[in-house]
Amino acid sequence: MVSQVNMVTSGKLWMVDVGATMHICGDRSVFTSYTPIREGEDIVYIGDSRPASILSKGKVLLKLISDKMLSLAYALHVYNI
């Protein structure tokens, strides 16, 4: 599956990191379910150690170029990622 993730039809929106502990997306429109989180309740640290607020948790469906769908059940919405 990892080799196909590199072939997501909207590839400019996603970067694959096989060592990541969570899925993060900055685009609200790709979420199929969306549960808002109170501001400041949860944060992640970006690569340069800056904190970024998690706006929501939800489900994202990625369409691969093989026409298969990859479901990310617990993706985080972080606006300034």
Protein backbone atom coordinates (compact mmCIF):
# COMPACT_ATOMS: atom_id res chain seq x y z
CA MET A 1 0.00 0.00 0.00
CA VAL A 2 2.85 2.43 0.76
CA SER A 3 4.04 2.37 -2.85
CA GLN A 4 0.53 3.28 -4.01
CA VAL A 5 0.18 6.12 -1.51
CA ASN A 6 2.90 7.90 -3.46
CA MET A 7 0.41 7.85 -6.31
CA VAL A 8 -2.53 9.66 -4.70
CA THR A 9 -4.56 11.43 -7.37
CA SER A 10 -4.28 14.72 -5.47
CA GLY A 11 -0.58 14.22 -4.74
CA LYS A 12 0.30 17.85 -4.17
CA LEU A 13 -1.82 17.78 -1.00
CA TRP A 14 -0.07 14.82 0.64
CA MET A 15 3.43 13.78 1.63
CA VAL A 16 4.12 10.23 2.73
CA ASP A 17 6.19 9.67 5.86
CA VAL A 18 6.24 5.98 6.76
CA GLY A 19 7.65 6.82 10.19
CA ALA A 20 4.85 9.23 11.09
CA THR A 21 2.79 8.58 14.21
CA MET A 22 -0.28 10.46 12.93
CA HIS A 23 -1.88 11.72 9.72
CA ILE A 24 -2.14 15.50 9.41
CA CYS A 25 -3.85 17.58 6.74
CA GLY A 26 -4.22 21.34 6.35
CA ASP A 27 -7.19 21.24 3.94
CA ARG A 28 -10.61 21.03 5.61
CA SER A 29 -12.34 20.13 2.35
CA VAL A 30 -10.80 16.63 2.14
CA PHE A 31 -12.38 15.42 5.40
CA THR A 32 -15.44 13.18 5.05
CA SER A 33 -16.15 13.36 8.79
CA TYR A 34 -15.09 16.17 11.07
CA THR A 35 -15.13 16.52 14.87
CA PRO A 36 -14.01 19.98 16.03
CA ILE A 37 -11.60 20.32 18.95
CA ARG A 38 -11.66 23.26 21.34
CA GLU A 39 -8.92 25.78 20.58
CA GLY A 40 -5.72 25.01 22.47
CA GLU A 41 -6.98 21.62 23.67
CA ASP A 42 -4.57 19.65 21.48
CA ILE A 43 -1.38 20.68 19.67
CA VAL A 44 1.30 19.12 17.50
CA TYR A 45 4.84 20.29 17.02
CA ILE A 46 5.95 21.06 13.48
CA GLY A 47 9.43 20.18 12.20
CA ASP A 48 10.94 23.46 13.41
CA SER A 49 9.51 22.83 16.93
CA ARG A 50 6.71 25.42 16.61
CA PRO A 51 3.40 24.35 18.18
CA ALA A 52 0.33 24.18 15.93
CA SER A 53 -3.25 23.81 17.15
CA ILE A 54 -5.26 20.80 16.07
CA LEU A 55 -8.60 22.11 14.79
CA SER A 56 -10.36 18.76 14.44
CA LYS A 57 -10.07 15.03 14.08
CA GLY A 58 -11.82 13.14 11.33
CA LYS A 59 -11.77 10.75 8.42
CA VAL A 60 -10.06 11.38 5.09
CA LEU A 61 -10.45 9.20 2.00
CA LEU A 62 -7.57 9.26 -0.47
CA LYS A 63 -8.19 8.02 -3.98
CA LEU A 64 -5.15 6.26 -5.36
CA ILE A 65 -4.39 6.22 -9.06
CA SER A 66 -5.17 2.48 -8.97
CA ASP A 67 -8.79 3.56 -8.20
CA LYS A 68 -8.51 2.05 -4.73
CA MET A 69 -9.46 4.17 -1.72
CA LEU A 70 -7.25 4.59 1.33
CA SER A 71 -9.11 5.55 4.50
CA LEU A 72 -7.30 7.57 7.17
CA ALA A 73 -9.69 7.17 10.10
CA TYR A 74 -8.03 9.48 12.62
CA ALA A 75 -6.56 12.30 10.56
CA LEU A 76 -5.89 15.64 12.24
CA HIS A 77 -6.78 19.00 10.73
CA VAL A 78 -3.96 21.46 11.41
CA TYR A 79 -4.46 24.67 9.46
CA ASN A 80 -0.89 25.93 9.31
CA ILE A 81 0.79 22.65 8.52
